Amino acid sequence: MPEEDSFLAVLPGHQLLLEGRAHDALIYTLYGAFTGLIILILVTPIYILFLPALYTALKTSIPFILIFISFYLVLREERPFFASLVFILSGLLGLLTFHLPVKEPLFPLLTGLFGLSSLFLSVKNTQKIKKQKILPLKKITLSKKEAARSFLGALISAPFCSFLPGIGSGHAAVIGSEIVQQNNRGFLALLGAINVLVMSLSFVAVYAISRARSGSAAAIQDLLKTITLQNLFTILIVVLISIILASFIALYISKKAANLLNKINYSLFCKIVIILLVILTFIFSSWLGLIILLTATSVGIVCIRSNSRRINLMASLILPAIYYYLWI
């Protein structure tokens, strides 16, 4: 939950939380997830047929595509100097991290950039969380125009971003919302659709071009070595079932969480999570991991305090990817 002075820079979900409508935010995201399933069914056969040829044609251009996307997103910021600074710092940190003899390098890196940085600033946040409203499902709706815009934005951006290294759901959501303008509700639906598509299509990419573009896809590739069409079909069925089950679970948990928000000590809760993350970092990545965690947290705080988009912190993955494709 953001402070008032950073209200204009927060995500739509945070804004709805401040309005007492956090449950609505979840519902819009779930609507998007089911939209993503529809797009996944439509796109997967096309992806399998054309991705190998497309990847071969674009392989040498991938680092330049990543550079273009990075420049575009940085220059679209209200304060491009600070956005550039955040991008460079997180990118250099990513390069250094992957060249250090540390176990599970992504854990301290991403935990510091996106997790601990927010938690440290939230500890001092004494803002009262507004009482949350839980409306009936039939009253939380998207207009036809909002649904169509989120569908089109996801259809355009997600398949393209799914096979690019270092580019994730956040980039696809920003690109999709830039191409097809979204309001807050539409953006949340767009994000829900893109989360499903980028994750699911990363498995299709492993099958089509033998390149993992997500941690989950890399783990599956490591286990199976070679993913067959039958394996891919099984994975996509699991995705379908998982989203349906998770949606019902999310609805239940969301209602309970909304009622508990005003009953918990927010500052104490943040402190407990910070301690837990530090302990886990030491367990997985030892003392070197703690140094990375501290450095990444500092960069994350710079990003938040400068009101730069958090997506610029993904340079920690993009810059190593550019380096890999240009010089290795």
C-alpha atoms as a PDB file:
ATOM      1  CA  MET A   1       0.000   0.000   0.000  1.00  0.00           C
ATOM      2  CA  PRO A   2       1.523   3.332  -1.101  1.00  0.00           C
ATOM      3  CA  GLU A   3       1.803   6.571   0.804  1.00  0.00           C
ATOM      4  CA  GLU A   4      -0.159   9.625  -0.316  1.00  0.00           C
ATOM      5  CA  ASP A   5       2.920  11.320  -1.815  1.00  0.00           C
ATOM      6  CA  SER A   6       3.384   8.449  -4.280  1.00  0.00           C
ATOM      7  CA  PHE A   7      -0.317   8.018  -5.041  1.00  0.00           C
ATOM      8  CA  LEU A   8      -0.009   9.172  -8.652  1.00  0.00           C
ATOM      9  CA  ALA A   9       2.714   6.617  -9.375  1.00  0.00           C
ATOM     10  CA  VAL A  10       0.947   3.540  -7.990  1.00  0.00           C
ATOM     11  CA  LEU A  11      -0.586   0.697  -9.918  1.00  0.00           C
ATOM     12  CA  PRO A  12      -4.368   0.593 -10.499  1.00  0.00           C
ATOM     13  CA  GLY A  13      -4.719  -2.208  -7.945  1.00  0.00           C
ATOM     14  CA  HIS A  14      -3.230   0.007  -5.234  1.00  0.00           C
ATOM     15  CA  GLN A  15      -5.535   2.830  -6.216  1.00  0.00           C
ATOM     16  CA  LEU A  16      -8.579   0.592  -5.824  1.00  0.00           C
ATOM     17  CA  LEU A  17      -7.232  -0.517  -2.438  1.00  0.00           C
ATOM     18  CA  LEU A  18      -7.138   3.121  -1.334  1.00  0.00           C
ATOM     19  CA  GLU A  19     -10.746   3.450  -2.496  1.00  0.00           C
ATOM     20  CA  GLY A  20     -11.789   0.393  -0.460  1.00  0.00           C
ATOM     21  CA  ARG A  21     -12.215  -1.779  -3.560  1.00  0.00           C
ATOM     22  CA  ALA A  22      -9.252  -4.166  -3.419  1.00  0.00           C
ATOM     23  CA  HIS A  23     -11.599  -7.130  -3.972  1.00  0.00           C
ATOM     24  CA  ASP A  24     -12.777  -5.525  -7.212  1.00  0.00           C
ATOM     25  CA  ALA A  25      -9.161  -5.334  -8.402  1.00  0.00           C
ATOM     26  CA  LEU A  26      -8.773  -9.079  -7.961  1.00  0.00           C
ATOM     27  CA  ILE A  27     -12.004  -9.777  -9.875  1.00  0.00           C
ATOM     28  CA  TYR A  28     -10.919  -7.651 -12.842  1.00  0.00           C
ATOM     29  CA  THR A  29      -7.617  -9.543 -12.916  1.00  0.00           C
ATOM     30  CA  LEU A  30      -9.468 -12.865 -12.880  1.00  0.00           C
ATOM     31  CA  TYR A  31     -11.649 -11.715 -15.771  1.00  0.00           C
ATOM     32  CA  GLY A  32      -8.433 -11.047 -17.623  1.00  0.00           C
ATOM     33  CA  ALA A  33      -7.057 -14.484 -16.761  1.00  0.00           C
ATOM     34  CA  PHE A  34     -10.027 -16.164 -18.436  1.00  0.00           C
ATOM     35  CA  THR A  35      -9.616 -13.825 -21.404  1.00  0.00           C
ATOM     36  CA  GLY A  36      -6.013 -14.996 -21.537  1.00  0.00           C
ATOM     37  CA  LEU A  37      -7.172 -18.610 -21.746  1.00  0.00           C
ATOM     38  CA  ILE A  38      -9.297 -17.801 -24.794  1.00  0.00           C
ATOM     39  CA  ILE A  39      -6.362 -16.042 -26.479  1.00  0.00           C
ATOM     40  CA  LEU A  40      -4.075 -18.948 -25.545  1.00  0.00           C
ATOM     41  CA  ILE A  41      -6.345 -21.424 -27.360  1.00  0.00           C
ATOM     42  CA  LEU A  42      -6.385 -19.177 -30.448  1.00  0.00           C
ATOM     43  CA  VAL A  43      -2.679 -18.333 -30.494  1.00  0.00           C
ATOM     44  CA  THR A  44      -0.980 -21.637 -29.563  1.00  0.00           C
ATOM     45  CA  PRO A  45      -1.393 -23.392 -32.973  1.00  0.00           C
ATOM     46  CA  ILE A  46      -0.140 -20.251 -34.762  1.00  0.00           C
ATOM     47  CA  TYR A  47       2.752 -19.939 -32.294  1.00  0.00           C
ATOM     48  CA  ILE A  48       3.827 -23.541 -32.905  1.00  0.00           C
ATOM     49  CA  LEU A  49       3.694 -23.126 -36.680  1.00  0.00           C
ATOM     50  CA  PHE A  50       5.416 -19.761 -37.104  1.00  0.00           C
ATOM     51  CA  LEU A  51       7.632 -19.193 -34.027  1.00  0.00           C
ATOM     52  CA  PRO A  52      10.607 -21.329 -35.200  1.00  0.00           C
ATOM     53  CA  ALA A  53      10.910 -19.388 -38.464  1.00  0.00           C
ATOM     54  CA  LEU A  54      10.273 -16.049 -36.732  1.00  0.00           C
ATOM     55  CA  TYR A  55      12.842 -16.755 -34.024  1.00  0.00           C
ATOM     56  CA  THR A  56      15.462 -17.774 -36.613  1.00  0.00           C
ATOM     57  CA  ALA A  57      14.823 -14.574 -38.577  1.00  0.00           C
ATOM     58  CA  LEU A  58      14.959 -12.331 -35.502  1.00  0.00           C
ATOM     59  CA  LYS A  59      17.648 -14.096 -33.475  1.00  0.00           C
ATOM     60  CA  THR A  60      20.440 -11.717 -34.442  1.00  0.00           C
ATOM     61  CA  SER A  61      18.102  -8.749 -33.895  1.00  0.00           C
ATOM     62  CA  ILE A  62      16.963  -9.753 -30.385  1.00  0.00           C
ATOM     63  CA  PRO A  63      19.484  -7.588 -28.460  1.00  0.00           C
ATOM     64  CA  PHE A  64      18.557  -4.554 -30.574  1.00  0.00           C
ATOM     65  CA  ILE A  65      14.844  -5.207 -30.006  1.00  0.00           C
ATOM     66  CA  LEU A  66      15.539  -5.335 -26.258  1.00  0.00           C
ATOM     67  CA  ILE A  67      17.526  -2.090 -26.472  1.00  0.00           C
ATOM     68  CA  PHE A  68      14.694  -0.398 -28.387  1.00  0.00           C
ATOM     69  CA  ILE A  69      12.047  -1.536 -25.877  1.00  0.00           C
ATOM     70  CA  SER A  70      14.221  -0.376 -22.983  1.00  0.00           C
ATOM     71  CA  PHE A  71      14.859   3.064 -24.505  1.00  0.00           C
ATOM     72  CA  TYR A  72      11.190   3.454 -25.362  1.00  0.00           C
ATOM     73  CA  LEU A  73       9.999   2.663 -21.839  1.00  0.00           C
ATOM     74  CA  VAL A  74      12.639   4.880 -20.201  1.00  0.00           C
ATOM     75  CA  LEU A  75      11.932   7.860 -22.475  1.00  0.00           C
ATOM     76  CA  ARG A  76       8.193   7.529 -21.809  1.00  0.00           C
ATOM     77  CA  GLU A  77       8.808   8.282 -18.134  1.00  0.00           C
ATOM     78  CA  GLU A  78       7.952  11.678 -16.658  1.00  0.00           C
ATOM     79  CA  ARG A  79      11.506  11.848 -15.234  1.00  0.00           C
ATOM     80  CA  PRO A  80      13.679  10.045 -17.824  1.00  0.00           C
ATOM     81  CA  PHE A  81      16.958  10.917 -16.055  1.00  0.00           C
ATOM     82  CA  PHE A  82      15.997   9.034 -12.901  1.00  0.00           C
ATOM     83  CA  ALA A  83      14.447   6.214 -14.951  1.00  0.00           C
ATOM     84  CA  SER A  84      17.747   5.902 -16.851  1.00  0.00           C
ATOM     85  CA  LEU A  85      19.676   5.877 -13.582  1.00  0.00           C
ATOM     86  CA  VAL A  86      17.476   3.112 -12.173  1.00  0.00           C
ATOM     87  CA  PHE A  87      17.790   1.128 -15.405  1.00  0.00           C
ATOM     88  CA  ILE A  88      21.595   1.394 -15.473  1.00  0.00           C
ATOM     89  CA  LEU A  89      22.047   0.589 -11.763  1.00  0.00           C
ATOM     90  CA  SER A  90      19.762  -2.453 -11.828  1.00  0.00           C
ATOM     91  CA  GLY A  91      21.259  -3.632 -15.130  1.00  0.00           C
ATOM     92  CA  LEU A  92      24.830  -3.432 -13.825  1.00  0.00           C
ATOM     93  CA  LEU A  93      23.752  -5.179 -10.631  1.00  0.00           C
ATOM     94  CA  GLY A  94      22.256  -7.972 -12.720  1.00  0.00           C
ATOM     95  CA  LEU A  95      25.459  -8.361 -14.729  1.00  0.00           C
ATOM     96  CA  LEU A  96      27.588  -8.508 -11.569  1.00  0.00           C
ATOM     97  CA  THR A  97      25.230 -10.911  -9.827  1.00  0.00           C
ATOM     98  CA  PHE A  98      25.315 -13.445 -12.662  1.00  0.00           C
ATOM     99  CA  HIS A  99      29.115 -13.348 -12.664  1.00  0.00           C
ATOM    100  CA  LEU A 100      29.431 -14.010  -8.943  1.00  0.00           C
ATOM    101  CA  PRO A 101      29.749 -17.528  -7.440  1.00  0.00           C
ATOM    102  CA  VAL A 102      26.406 -17.295  -5.660  1.00  0.00           C
ATOM    103  CA  LYS A 103      23.743 -19.984  -5.420  1.00  0.00           C
ATOM    104  CA  GLU A 104      20.245 -19.058  -6.609  1.00  0.00           C
ATOM    105  CA  PRO A 105      21.297 -15.564  -7.773  1.00  0.00           C
ATOM    106  CA  LEU A 106      17.774 -14.551  -8.814  1.00  0.00           C
ATOM    107  CA  PHE A 107      16.406 -14.952  -5.290  1.00  0.00           C
ATOM    108  CA  PRO A 108      18.363 -12.147  -3.562  1.00  0.00           C
ATOM    109  CA  LEU A 109      18.401 -10.019  -6.721  1.00  0.00           C
ATOM    110  CA  LEU A 110      14.649  -9.912  -7.360  1.00  0.00           C
ATOM    111  CA  THR A 111      13.716 -10.060  -3.678  1.00  0.00           C
ATOM    112  CA  GLY A 112      15.736  -6.904  -3.033  1.00  0.00           C
ATOM    113  CA  LEU A 113      14.636  -5.000  -6.137  1.00  0.00           C
ATOM    114  CA  PHE A 114      10.917  -5.690  -5.878  1.00  0.00           C
ATOM    115  CA  GLY A 115      10.252  -7.000  -2.363  1.00  0.00           C
ATOM    116  CA  LEU A 116      12.452  -5.665   0.397  1.00  0.00           C
ATOM    117  CA  SER A 117      12.618  -2.167  -1.086  1.00  0.00           C
ATOM    118  CA  SER A 118       8.836  -1.799  -0.827  1.00  0.00           C
ATOM    119  CA  LEU A 119       8.687  -3.412   2.606  1.00  0.00           C
ATOM    120  CA  PHE A 120      11.324  -1.107   4.115  1.00  0.00           C
ATOM    121  CA  LEU A 121       9.387   1.952   2.975  1.00  0.00           C
ATOM    122  CA  SER A 122       6.088   0.427   4.096  1.00  0.00           C
ATOM    123  CA  VAL A 123       7.318  -0.065   7.677  1.00  0.00           C
ATOM    124  CA  LYS A 124       7.078   3.705   8.240  1.00  0.00           C
ATOM    125  CA  ASN A 125       3.693   3.948   6.551  1.00  0.00           C
ATOM    126  CA  THR A 126       1.109   4.842   9.191  1.00  0.00           C
ATOM    127  CA  GLN A 127      -1.674   5.465   6.690  1.00  0.00           C
ATOM    128  CA  LYS A 128      -4.954   3.852   7.700  1.00  0.00           C
ATOM    129  CA  ILE A 129      -6.282   1.276   5.274  1.00  0.00           C
ATOM    130  CA  LYS A 130      -9.814   2.151   4.251  1.00  0.00           C
ATOM    131  CA  LYS A 131     -12.551  -0.336   5.098  1.00  0.00           C
ATOM    132  CA  GLN A 132     -12.919  -2.624   2.114  1.00  0.00           C
ATOM    133  CA  LYS A 133     -16.199  -3.181   0.299  1.00  0.00           C
ATOM    134  CA  ILE A 134     -17.112  -6.641  -0.971  1.00  0.00           C
ATOM    135  CA  LEU A 135     -19.676  -6.294  -3.742  1.00  0.00           C
ATOM    136  CA  PRO A 136     -21.576  -9.194  -5.354  1.00  0.00           C
ATOM    137  CA  LEU A 137     -19.810 -10.617  -8.401  1.00  0.00           C
ATOM    138  CA  LYS A 138     -22.565  -9.449 -10.756  1.00  0.00           C
ATOM    139  CA  LYS A 139     -21.875  -5.825  -9.764  1.00  0.00           C
ATOM    140  CA  ILE A 140     -18.152  -6.015 -10.568  1.00  0.00           C
ATOM    141  CA  THR A 141     -18.200  -5.899 -14.344  1.00  0.00           C
ATOM    142  CA  LEU A 142     -16.237  -4.677 -17.332  1.00  0.00           C
ATOM    143  CA  SER A 143     -17.948  -2.838 -20.152  1.00  0.00           C
ATOM    144  CA  LYS A 144     -17.790  -4.364 -23.628  1.00  0.00           C
ATOM    145  CA  LYS A 145     -15.348  -1.634 -24.651  1.00  0.00           C
ATOM    146  CA  GLU A 146     -13.059  -2.284 -21.656  1.00  0.00           C
ATOM    147  CA  ALA A 147     -13.130  -6.046 -22.279  1.00  0.00           C
ATOM    148  CA  ALA A 148     -12.412  -5.590 -25.990  1.00  0.00           C
ATOM    149  CA  ARG A 149      -9.500  -3.223 -25.310  1.00  0.00           C
ATOM    150  CA  SER A 150      -7.876  -5.559 -22.764  1.00  0.00           C
ATOM    151  CA  PHE A 151      -8.381  -8.518 -25.145  1.00  0.00           C
ATOM    152  CA  LEU A 152      -6.767  -6.652 -28.050  1.00  0.00           C
ATOM    153  CA  GLY A 153      -3.887  -5.318 -25.936  1.00  0.00           C
ATOM    154  CA  ALA A 154      -3.061  -8.816 -24.642  1.00  0.00           C
ATOM    155  CA  LEU A 155      -3.421 -10.371 -28.103  1.00  0.00           C
ATOM    156  CA  ILE A 156      -0.922  -7.902 -29.588  1.00  0.00           C
ATOM    157  CA  SER A 157       1.724  -7.712 -26.858  1.00  0.00           C
ATOM    158  CA  ALA A 158       1.831 -11.066 -25.038  1.00  0.00           C
ATOM    159  CA  PRO A 159       2.756 -13.400 -27.952  1.00  0.00           C
ATOM    160  CA  PHE A 160       5.517 -11.016 -29.057  1.00  0.00           C
ATOM    161  CA  CYS A 161       6.986 -10.580 -25.568  1.00  0.00           C
ATOM    162  CA  SER A 162       6.757 -14.261 -24.647  1.00  0.00           C
ATOM    163  CA  PHE A 163       9.784 -15.377 -26.675  1.00  0.00           C
ATOM    164  CA  LEU A 164      12.060 -12.417 -25.868  1.00  0.00           C
ATOM    165  CA  PRO A 165      14.589 -12.986 -23.048  1.00  0.00           C
ATOM    166  CA  GLY A 166      14.333 -10.677 -20.035  1.00  0.00           C
ATOM    167  CA  ILE A 167      10.926  -9.377 -21.117  1.00  0.00           C
ATOM    168  CA  GLY A 168       8.104 -10.383 -18.811  1.00  0.00           C
ATOM    169  CA  SER A 169       4.471  -9.741 -18.033  1.00  0.00           C
ATOM    170  CA  GLY A 170       5.145  -6.207 -16.809  1.00  0.00           C
ATOM    171  CA  HIS A 171       6.730  -5.139 -20.099  1.00  0.00           C
ATOM    172  CA  ALA A 172       3.969  -6.793 -22.105  1.00  0.00           C
ATOM    173  CA  ALA A 173       1.314  -5.028 -20.002  1.00  0.00           C
ATOM    174  CA  VAL A 174       2.943  -1.610 -20.476  1.00  0.00           C
ATOM    175  CA  ILE A 175       3.398  -2.177 -24.222  1.00  0.00           C
ATOM    176  CA  GLY A 176      -0.171  -3.487 -24.549  1.00  0.00           C
ATOM    177  CA  SER A 177      -1.594  -0.487 -22.695  1.00  0.00           C
ATOM    178  CA  GLU A 178       0.504   1.890 -24.819  1.00  0.00           C
ATOM    179  CA  ILE A 179      -0.801   0.361 -28.059  1.00  0.00           C
ATOM    180  CA  VAL A 180      -4.410   0.064 -26.853  1.00  0.00           C
ATOM    181  CA  GLN A 181      -5.236   2.666 -24.200  1.00  0.00           C
ATOM    182  CA  GLN A 182      -6.705   1.219 -20.976  1.00  0.00           C
ATOM    183  CA  ASN A 183      -8.449   2.639 -17.934  1.00  0.00           C
ATOM    184  CA  ASN A 184      -7.728   1.166 -14.484  1.00  0.00           C
ATOM    185  CA  ARG A 185     -10.220  -1.685 -14.767  1.00  0.00           C
ATOM    186  CA  GLY A 186      -9.119  -2.526 -18.281  1.00  0.00           C
ATOM    187  CA  PHE A 187      -5.459  -2.448 -17.294  1.00  0.00           C
ATOM    188  CA  LEU A 188      -6.059  -4.962 -14.481  1.00  0.00           C
ATOM    189  CA  ALA A 189      -7.881  -7.250 -16.909  1.00  0.00           C
ATOM    190  CA  LEU A 190      -5.046  -6.781 -19.405  1.00  0.00           C
ATOM    191  CA  LEU A 191      -2.501  -7.701 -16.738  1.00  0.00           C
ATOM    192  CA  GLY A 192      -4.476 -10.823 -15.786  1.00  0.00           C
ATOM    193  CA  ALA A 193      -4.609 -11.946 -19.411  1.00  0.00           C
ATOM    194  CA  ILE A 194      -0.926 -11.251 -20.012  1.00  0.00           C
ATOM    195  CA  ASN A 195       0.173 -13.104 -16.859  1.00  0.00           C
ATOM    196  CA  VAL A 196      -1.566 -16.219 -18.161  1.00  0.00           C
ATOM    197  CA  LEU A 197      -0.299 -15.809 -21.714  1.00  0.00           C
ATOM    198  CA  VAL A 198       3.358 -15.030 -21.002  1.00  0.00           C
ATOM    199  CA  MET A 199       3.625 -17.966 -18.592  1.00  0.00           C
ATOM    200  CA  SER A 200       1.739 -20.411 -20.828  1.00  0.00           C
ATOM    201  CA  LEU A 201       3.421 -19.386 -24.072  1.00  0.00           C
ATOM    202  CA  SER A 202       6.824 -19.795 -22.430  1.00  0.00           C
ATOM    203  CA  PHE A 203       6.085 -23.547 -22.396  1.00  0.00           C
ATOM    204  CA  VAL A 204       5.052 -23.382 -26.053  1.00  0.00           C
ATOM    205  CA  ALA A 205       8.343 -21.570 -26.792  1.00  0.00           C
ATOM    206  CA  VAL A 206      10.311 -24.402 -25.163  1.00  0.00           C
ATOM    207  CA  TYR A 207       8.545 -26.865 -27.459  1.00  0.00           C
ATOM    208  CA  ALA A 208       8.861 -24.712 -30.605  1.00  0.00           C
ATOM    209  CA  ILE A 209      12.386 -23.240 -30.287  1.00  0.00           C
ATOM    210  CA  SER A 210      13.887 -25.093 -27.266  1.00  0.00           C
ATOM    211  CA  ARG A 211      14.336 -21.809 -25.374  1.00  0.00           C
ATOM    212  CA  ALA A 212      12.963 -21.322 -21.859  1.00  0.00           C
ATOM    213  CA  ARG A 213      11.637 -17.812 -21.192  1.00  0.00           C
ATOM    214  CA  SER A 214      10.418 -18.350 -17.624  1.00  0.00           C
ATOM    215  CA  GLY A 215      11.690 -20.106 -14.506  1.00  0.00           C
ATOM    216  CA  SER A 216       8.850 -22.617 -14.646  1.00  0.00           C
ATOM    217  CA  ALA A 217       9.514 -23.440 -18.285  1.00  0.00           C
ATOM    218  CA  ALA A 218      13.231 -23.856 -17.540  1.00  0.00           C
ATOM    219  CA  ALA A 219      12.426 -26.230 -14.669  1.00  0.00           C
ATOM    220  CA  ILE A 220      10.149 -28.335 -16.881  1.00  0.00           C
ATOM    221  CA  GLN A 221      12.765 -28.383 -19.638  1.00  0.00           C
ATOM    222  CA  ASP A 222      15.396 -29.492 -17.131  1.00  0.00           C
ATOM    223  CA  LEU A 223      13.163 -32.330 -15.924  1.00  0.00           C
ATOM    224  CA  LEU A 224      11.932 -33.573 -19.299  1.00  0.00           C
ATOM    225  CA  LYS A 225      15.003 -32.624 -21.406  1.00  0.00           C
ATOM    226  CA  THR A 226      12.838 -32.629 -24.527  1.00  0.00           C
ATOM    227  CA  ILE A 227       9.212 -31.466 -24.506  1.00  0.00           C
ATOM    228  CA  THR A 228       7.033 -33.375 -26.942  1.00  0.00           C
ATOM    229  CA  LEU A 229       3.690 -32.260 -28.354  1.00  0.00           C
ATOM    230  CA  GLN A 230       1.986 -34.634 -25.909  1.00  0.00           C
ATOM    231  CA  ASN A 231       3.915 -33.057 -23.008  1.00  0.00           C
ATOM    232  CA  LEU A 232       2.882 -29.597 -24.184  1.00  0.00           C
ATOM    233  CA  PHE A 233      -0.769 -30.628 -24.439  1.00  0.00           C
ATOM    234  CA  THR A 234      -0.629 -32.014 -20.896  1.00  0.00           C
ATOM    235  CA  ILE A 235       0.988 -28.809 -19.584  1.00  0.00           C
ATOM    236  CA  LEU A 236      -1.672 -26.611 -21.208  1.00  0.00           C
ATOM    237  CA  ILE A 237      -4.459 -28.773 -19.760  1.00  0.00           C
ATOM    238  CA  VAL A 238      -2.853 -28.361 -16.329  1.00  0.00           C
ATOM    239  CA  VAL A 239      -2.736 -24.577 -16.917  1.00  0.00           C
ATOM    240  CA  LEU A 240      -6.456 -24.582 -17.734  1.00  0.00           C
ATOM    241  CA  ILE A 241      -7.408 -26.612 -14.662  1.00  0.00           C
ATOM    242  CA  SER A 242      -5.080 -24.616 -12.404  1.00  0.00           C
ATOM    243  CA  ILE A 243      -6.562 -21.266 -13.421  1.00  0.00           C
ATOM    244  CA  ILE A 244     -10.123 -22.464 -12.861  1.00  0.00           C
ATOM    245  CA  LEU A 245      -9.302 -23.891  -9.415  1.00  0.00           C
ATOM    246  CA  ALA A 246      -7.120 -20.919  -8.449  1.00  0.00           C
ATOM    247  CA  SER A 247      -9.899 -18.499  -9.363  1.00  0.00           C
ATOM    248  CA  PHE A 248     -12.326 -20.061  -6.873  1.00  0.00           C
ATOM    249  CA  ILE A 249      -9.611 -20.167  -4.194  1.00  0.00           C
ATOM    250  CA  ALA A 250      -8.661 -16.544  -4.919  1.00  0.00           C
ATOM    251  CA  LEU A 251     -12.275 -15.390  -4.577  1.00  0.00           C
ATOM    252  CA  TYR A 252     -12.546 -17.041  -1.172  1.00  0.00           C
ATOM    253  CA  ILE A 253      -9.188 -15.761   0.110  1.00  0.00           C
ATOM    254  CA  SER A 254      -9.834 -12.247  -1.230  1.00  0.00           C
ATOM    255  CA  LYS A 255     -13.039 -11.870   0.783  1.00  0.00           C
ATOM    256  CA  LYS A 256     -11.331 -13.092   3.954  1.00  0.00           C
ATOM    257  CA  ALA A 257      -8.284 -10.879   3.393  1.00  0.00           C
ATOM    258  CA  ALA A 258     -10.431  -7.795   2.754  1.00  0.00           C
ATOM    259  CA  ASN A 259     -12.087  -8.264   6.144  1.00  0.00           C
ATOM    260  CA  LEU A 260      -8.723  -8.759   7.874  1.00  0.00           C
ATOM    261  CA  LEU A 261      -6.938  -5.718   6.414  1.00  0.00           C
ATOM    262  CA  ASN A 262      -8.107  -3.382   9.161  1.00  0.00           C
ATOM    263  CA  LYS A 263      -7.339  -5.867  11.936  1.00  0.00           C
ATOM    264  CA  ILE A 264      -3.631  -6.477  11.312  1.00  0.00           C
ATOM    265  CA  ASN A 265      -0.678  -4.359  12.396  1.00  0.00           C
ATOM    266  CA  TYR A 266       0.624  -3.430   8.949  1.00  0.00           C
ATOM    267  CA  SER A 267       4.025  -2.197  10.141  1.00  0.00           C
ATOM    268  CA  LEU A 268       4.645  -5.293  12.280  1.00  0.00           C
ATOM    269  CA  PHE A 269       3.566  -7.542   9.432  1.00  0.00           C
ATOM    270  CA  CYS A 270       6.117  -5.872   7.113  1.00  0.00           C
ATOM    271  CA  LYS A 271       8.893  -6.317   9.692  1.00  0.00           C
ATOM    272  CA  ILE A 272       8.132 -10.034  10.038  1.00  0.00           C
ATOM    273  CA  VAL A 273       8.244 -10.523   6.266  1.00  0.00           C
ATOM    274  CA  ILE A 274      11.547  -8.596   6.024  1.00  0.00           C
ATOM    275  CA  ILE A 275      13.148 -10.845   8.663  1.00  0.00           C
ATOM    276  CA  LEU A 276      11.811 -13.957   6.926  1.00  0.00           C
ATOM    277  CA  LEU A 277      13.204 -12.880   3.530  1.00  0.00           C
ATOM    278  CA  VAL A 278      16.628 -12.104   4.996  1.00  0.00           C
ATOM    279  CA  ILE A 279      16.766 -15.549   6.655  1.00  0.00           C
ATOM    280  CA  LEU A 280      15.700 -17.292   3.438  1.00  0.00           C
ATOM    281  CA  THR A 281      18.317 -15.369   1.458  1.00  0.00           C
ATOM    282  CA  PHE A 282      21.045 -16.506   3.817  1.00  0.00           C
ATOM    283  CA  ILE A 283      19.826 -20.125   3.608  1.00  0.00           C
ATOM    284  CA  PHE A 284      19.684 -20.187  -0.188  1.00  0.00           C
ATOM    285  CA  SER A 285      22.513 -17.807  -1.135  1.00  0.00           C
ATOM    286  CA  SER A 286      24.763 -17.418   1.976  1.00  0.00           C
ATOM    287  CA  TRP A 287      26.596 -14.169   2.860  1.00  0.00           C
ATOM    288  CA  LEU A 288      27.200 -13.222  -0.752  1.00  0.00           C
ATOM    289  CA  GLY A 289      23.459 -13.383  -1.320  1.00  0.00           C
ATOM    290  CA  LEU A 290      22.896 -10.985   1.586  1.00  0.00           C
ATOM    291  CA  ILE A 291      25.253  -8.442  -0.041  1.00  0.00           C
ATOM    292  CA  ILE A 292      23.297  -8.729  -3.301  1.00  0.00           C
ATOM    293  CA  LEU A 293      20.032  -8.417  -1.360  1.00  0.00           C
ATOM    294  CA  LEU A 294      21.183  -5.225   0.385  1.00  0.00           C
ATOM    295  CA  THR A 295      22.438  -3.666  -2.859  1.00  0.00           C
ATOM    296  CA  ALA A 296      19.284  -4.611  -4.777  1.00  0.00           C
ATOM    297  CA  THR A 297      17.110  -3.197  -1.981  1.00  0.00           C
ATOM    298  CA  SER A 298      18.974   0.125  -2.221  1.00  0.00           C
ATOM    299  CA  VAL A 299      18.407   0.297  -5.983  1.00  0.00           C
ATOM    300  CA  GLY A 300      14.735  -0.560  -5.489  1.00  0.00           C
ATOM    301  CA  ILE A 301      14.337   2.255  -2.960  1.00  0.00           C
ATOM    302  CA  VAL A 302      15.947   4.715  -5.405  1.00  0.00           C
ATOM    303  CA  CYS A 303      13.390   3.610  -8.004  1.00  0.00           C
ATOM    304  CA  ILE A 304      10.420   4.113  -5.679  1.00  0.00           C
ATOM    305  CA  ARG A 305      11.631   7.420  -4.254  1.00  0.00           C
ATOM    306  CA  SER A 306      12.256   8.834  -7.745  1.00  0.00           C
ATOM    307  CA  ASN A 307       8.732   7.812  -8.845  1.00  0.00           C
ATOM    308  CA  SER A 308      10.157   5.725 -11.676  1.00  0.00           C
ATOM    309  CA  ARG A 309       8.238   2.758 -12.976  1.00  0.00           C
ATOM    310  CA  ARG A 310       9.246  -0.433 -11.221  1.00  0.00           C
ATOM    311  CA  ILE A 311       9.482  -2.096 -14.610  1.00  0.00           C
ATOM    312  CA  ASN A 312      12.845  -0.332 -15.125  1.00  0.00           C
ATOM    313  CA  LEU A 313      14.253  -2.650 -12.456  1.00  0.00           C
ATOM    314  CA  MET A 314      13.822  -5.504 -14.946  1.00  0.00           C
ATOM    315  CA  ALA A 315      17.028  -4.190 -16.529  1.00  0.00           C
ATOM    316  CA  SER A 316      18.638  -6.600 -14.062  1.00  0.00           C
ATOM    317  CA  LEU A 317      17.571  -9.338 -16.502  1.00  0.00           C
ATOM    318  CA  ILE A 318      17.448  -7.393 -19.765  1.00  0.00           C
ATOM    319  CA  LEU A 319      21.017  -6.066 -19.673  1.00  0.00           C
ATOM    320  CA  PRO A 320      22.540  -9.543 -19.062  1.00  0.00           C
ATOM    321  CA  ALA A 321      20.383 -10.852 -21.933  1.00  0.00           C
ATOM    322  CA  ILE A 322      21.650  -8.097 -24.253  1.00  0.00           C
ATOM    323  CA  TYR A 323      25.229  -8.819 -23.179  1.00  0.00           C
ATOM    324  CA  TYR A 324      24.731 -12.536 -23.815  1.00  0.00           C
ATOM    325  CA  TYR A 325      23.341 -12.102 -27.329  1.00  0.00           C
ATOM    326  CA  LEU A 326      25.923  -9.484 -28.390  1.00  0.00           C
ATOM    327  CA  TRP A 327      29.144 -10.982 -27.042  1.00  0.00           C
ATOM    328  CA  ILE A 328      28.640 -14.664 -26.262  1.00  0.00           C
END
